[in-house]
Amino acid sequence: MSRIGKVPVPVPAGVTTNIEGKVLSVKGPKGTLSLTMRDEISYTLGDGSIAVKPANDTKQARAFW
């Protein structure tokens, strides 16, 4: 099994991230992207990174993670 999901996603300099409700927005010099988040996954903004983890211990949450 891969361990890539355990590593936080780095956010480059000049890029801002924001979570509003269930929408993750990323804004950078080339534009803005937004993603509607699933209930099975929890997203946490840290210092220069976004951590993604399963919200619960179900098979479906681990699959989406």
N, C-alpha and C. Protein backbone atom coordinates (compact mmCIF):
# COMPACT_ATOMS: atom_id res chain seq x y z
N MET A 1 0.84 -1.17 0.00
CA MET A 1 0.00 0.00 0.00
C MET A 1 0.89 1.24 0.00
N SER A 2 0.48 2.23 -0.75
CA SER A 2 1.23 3.47 -0.85
C SER A 2 1.05 4.32 0.40
N ARG A 3 2.07 5.06 0.75
CA ARG A 3 2.00 5.96 1.90
C ARG A 3 1.94 7.41 1.47
N ILE A 4 1.69 7.66 0.20
CA ILE A 4 1.67 9.02 -0.31
C ILE A 4 0.54 9.85 0.29
N GLY A 5 -0.56 9.22 0.69
CA GLY A 5 -1.67 9.95 1.28
C GLY A 5 -1.37 10.49 2.66
N LYS A 6 -0.35 9.96 3.31
CA LYS A 6 0.01 10.42 4.66
C LYS A 6 0.86 11.68 4.64
N VAL A 7 1.41 12.03 3.48
CA VAL A 7 2.29 13.19 3.35
C VAL A 7 1.45 14.42 3.03
N PRO A 8 1.60 15.53 3.78
CA PRO A 8 0.85 16.75 3.46
C PRO A 8 1.22 17.28 2.08
N VAL A 9 0.27 17.91 1.42
CA VAL A 9 0.49 18.48 0.09
C VAL A 9 1.09 19.88 0.28
N PRO A 10 2.31 20.12 -0.22
CA PRO A 10 2.92 21.44 -0.03
C PRO A 10 2.22 22.50 -0.89
N VAL A 11 2.12 23.70 -0.34
CA VAL A 11 1.55 24.84 -1.05
C VAL A 11 2.71 25.78 -1.41
N PRO A 12 2.94 26.04 -2.70
CA PRO A 12 4.06 26.90 -3.10
C PRO A 12 3.88 28.33 -2.62
N ALA A 13 4.99 29.07 -2.61
CA ALA A 13 4.95 30.48 -2.24
C ALA A 13 4.11 31.25 -3.26
N GLY A 14 3.35 32.21 -2.80
CA GLY A 14 2.50 33.00 -3.69
C GLY A 14 1.13 32.39 -3.93
N VAL A 15 0.85 31.27 -3.30
CA VAL A 15 -0.44 30.60 -3.46
C VAL A 15 -1.17 30.65 -2.12
N THR A 16 -2.45 31.03 -2.15
CA THR A 16 -3.25 31.08 -0.93
C THR A 16 -4.33 30.01 -0.98
N THR A 17 -4.62 29.44 0.17
CA THR A 17 -5.65 28.41 0.27
C THR A 17 -6.69 28.85 1.28
N ASN A 18 -7.92 28.41 1.09
CA ASN A 18 -9.01 28.78 1.96
C ASN A 18 -10.06 27.68 1.94
N ILE A 19 -10.62 27.38 3.12
CA ILE A 19 -11.72 26.43 3.22
C ILE A 19 -12.94 27.19 3.72
N GLU A 20 -14.01 27.18 2.92
CA GLU A 20 -15.28 27.81 3.29
C GLU A 20 -16.37 26.75 3.19
N GLY A 21 -16.84 26.28 4.32
CA GLY A 21 -17.84 25.22 4.32
C GLY A 21 -17.24 23.95 3.78
N LYS A 22 -17.74 23.49 2.63
CA LYS A 22 -17.24 22.26 2.00
C LYS A 22 -16.43 22.55 0.74
N VAL A 23 -16.00 23.81 0.56
CA VAL A 23 -15.29 24.18 -0.66
C VAL A 23 -13.86 24.58 -0.32
N LEU A 24 -12.90 23.91 -0.95
CA LEU A 24 -11.49 24.24 -0.82
C LEU A 24 -11.12 25.09 -2.02
N SER A 25 -10.64 26.32 -1.77
CA SER A 25 -10.24 27.24 -2.84
C SER A 25 -8.74 27.46 -2.79
N VAL A 26 -8.12 27.44 -3.96
CA VAL A 26 -6.69 27.67 -4.08
C VAL A 26 -6.51 28.78 -5.12
N LYS A 27 -5.83 29.86 -4.72
CA LYS A 27 -5.64 31.00 -5.61
C LYS A 27 -4.16 31.26 -5.78
N GLY A 28 -3.74 31.35 -7.04
CA GLY A 28 -2.33 31.58 -7.34
C GLY A 28 -2.19 32.57 -8.47
N PRO A 29 -0.98 32.75 -8.96
CA PRO A 29 -0.74 33.75 -10.01
C PRO A 29 -1.40 33.40 -11.35
N LYS A 30 -1.75 32.14 -11.56
CA LYS A 30 -2.36 31.74 -12.83
C LYS A 30 -3.88 31.57 -12.75
N GLY A 31 -4.47 31.85 -11.58
CA GLY A 31 -5.92 31.75 -11.47
C GLY A 31 -6.36 31.10 -10.18
N THR A 32 -7.64 30.74 -10.15
CA THR A 32 -8.25 30.17 -8.95
C THR A 32 -8.88 28.83 -9.30
N LEU A 33 -8.72 27.87 -8.38
CA LEU A 33 -9.36 26.57 -8.50
C LEU A 33 -10.17 26.34 -7.23
N SER A 34 -11.30 25.66 -7.37
CA SER A 34 -12.09 25.31 -6.20
C SER A 34 -12.54 23.86 -6.33
N LEU A 35 -12.65 23.20 -5.17
CA LEU A 35 -13.02 21.79 -5.12
C LEU A 35 -14.04 21.60 -4.01
N THR A 36 -15.17 21.00 -4.34
CA THR A 36 -16.15 20.66 -3.33
C THR A 36 -15.68 19.40 -2.63
N MET A 37 -15.50 19.49 -1.33
CA MET A 37 -14.92 18.38 -0.56
C MET A 37 -15.99 17.37 -0.19
N ARG A 38 -15.58 16.13 -0.08
CA ARG A 38 -16.47 15.04 0.31
C ARG A 38 -16.54 14.97 1.83
N ASP A 39 -17.64 14.45 2.34
CA ASP A 39 -17.81 14.29 3.78
C ASP A 39 -16.88 13.22 4.36
N GLU A 40 -16.44 12.28 3.54
CA GLU A 40 -15.61 11.18 4.01
C GLU A 40 -14.15 11.59 4.26
N ILE A 41 -13.76 12.77 3.79
CA ILE A 41 -12.37 13.23 3.87
C ILE A 41 -12.31 14.53 4.67
N SER A 42 -11.28 14.65 5.54
CA SER A 42 -11.07 15.90 6.27
C SER A 42 -9.82 16.58 5.74
N TYR A 43 -9.91 17.88 5.55
CA TYR A 43 -8.81 18.69 5.04
C TYR A 43 -8.40 19.67 6.13
N THR A 44 -7.09 19.81 6.35
CA THR A 44 -6.59 20.72 7.36
C THR A 44 -5.50 21.59 6.73
N LEU A 45 -5.65 22.91 6.88
CA LEU A 45 -4.63 23.83 6.38
C LEU A 45 -3.56 24.01 7.44
N GLY A 46 -2.32 23.83 7.05
CA GLY A 46 -1.20 24.00 7.97
C GLY A 46 -0.26 25.08 7.45
N ASP A 47 0.92 25.15 8.00
CA ASP A 47 1.92 26.11 7.56
C ASP A 47 2.51 25.68 6.22
N GLY A 48 1.97 26.22 5.16
CA GLY A 48 2.49 25.91 3.84
C GLY A 48 2.12 24.54 3.31
N SER A 49 1.06 23.92 3.86
CA SER A 49 0.65 22.60 3.38
C SER A 49 -0.82 22.34 3.66
N ILE A 50 -1.36 21.34 2.98
CA ILE A 50 -2.74 20.89 3.19
C ILE A 50 -2.66 19.42 3.56
N ALA A 51 -3.17 19.06 4.73
CA ALA A 51 -3.20 17.67 5.17
C ALA A 51 -4.56 17.07 4.83
N VAL A 52 -4.54 15.88 4.26
CA VAL A 52 -5.76 15.18 3.86
C VAL A 52 -5.81 13.86 4.62
N LYS A 53 -6.93 13.61 5.30
CA LYS A 53 -7.08 12.38 6.08
C LYS A 53 -8.51 11.88 5.96
N PRO A 54 -8.73 10.58 6.17
CA PRO A 54 -10.10 10.08 6.20
C PRO A 54 -10.83 10.63 7.43
N ALA A 55 -12.08 11.01 7.27
CA ALA A 55 -12.86 11.57 8.38
C ALA A 55 -13.31 10.50 9.35
N ASN A 56 -13.46 9.27 8.87
CA ASN A 56 -13.85 8.17 9.74
C ASN A 56 -13.14 6.90 9.28
N ASP A 57 -13.42 5.79 9.91
CA ASP A 57 -12.68 4.56 9.64
C ASP A 57 -13.48 3.58 8.77
N THR A 58 -14.25 4.10 7.84
CA THR A 58 -14.99 3.23 6.95
C THR A 58 -14.17 2.90 5.71
N LYS A 59 -14.56 1.85 5.04
CA LYS A 59 -13.87 1.43 3.82
C LYS A 59 -13.99 2.49 2.74
N GLN A 60 -15.14 3.13 2.64
CA GLN A 60 -15.36 4.16 1.63
C GLN A 60 -14.49 5.39 1.88
N ALA A 61 -14.33 5.79 3.16
CA ALA A 61 -13.49 6.94 3.48
C ALA A 61 -12.03 6.65 3.13
N ARG A 62 -11.56 5.45 3.42
CA ARG A 62 -10.19 5.10 3.08
C ARG A 62 -9.99 5.05 1.55
N ALA A 63 -11.01 4.63 0.82
CA ALA A 63 -10.92 4.57 -0.64
C ALA A 63 -10.83 5.98 -1.25
N PHE A 64 -11.62 6.92 -0.74
CA PHE A 64 -11.56 8.28 -1.24
C PHE A 64 -10.27 8.98 -0.85
N TRP A 65 -9.72 8.63 0.31
CA TRP A 65 -8.48 9.21 0.79
C TRP A 65 -7.38 8.87 -0.16
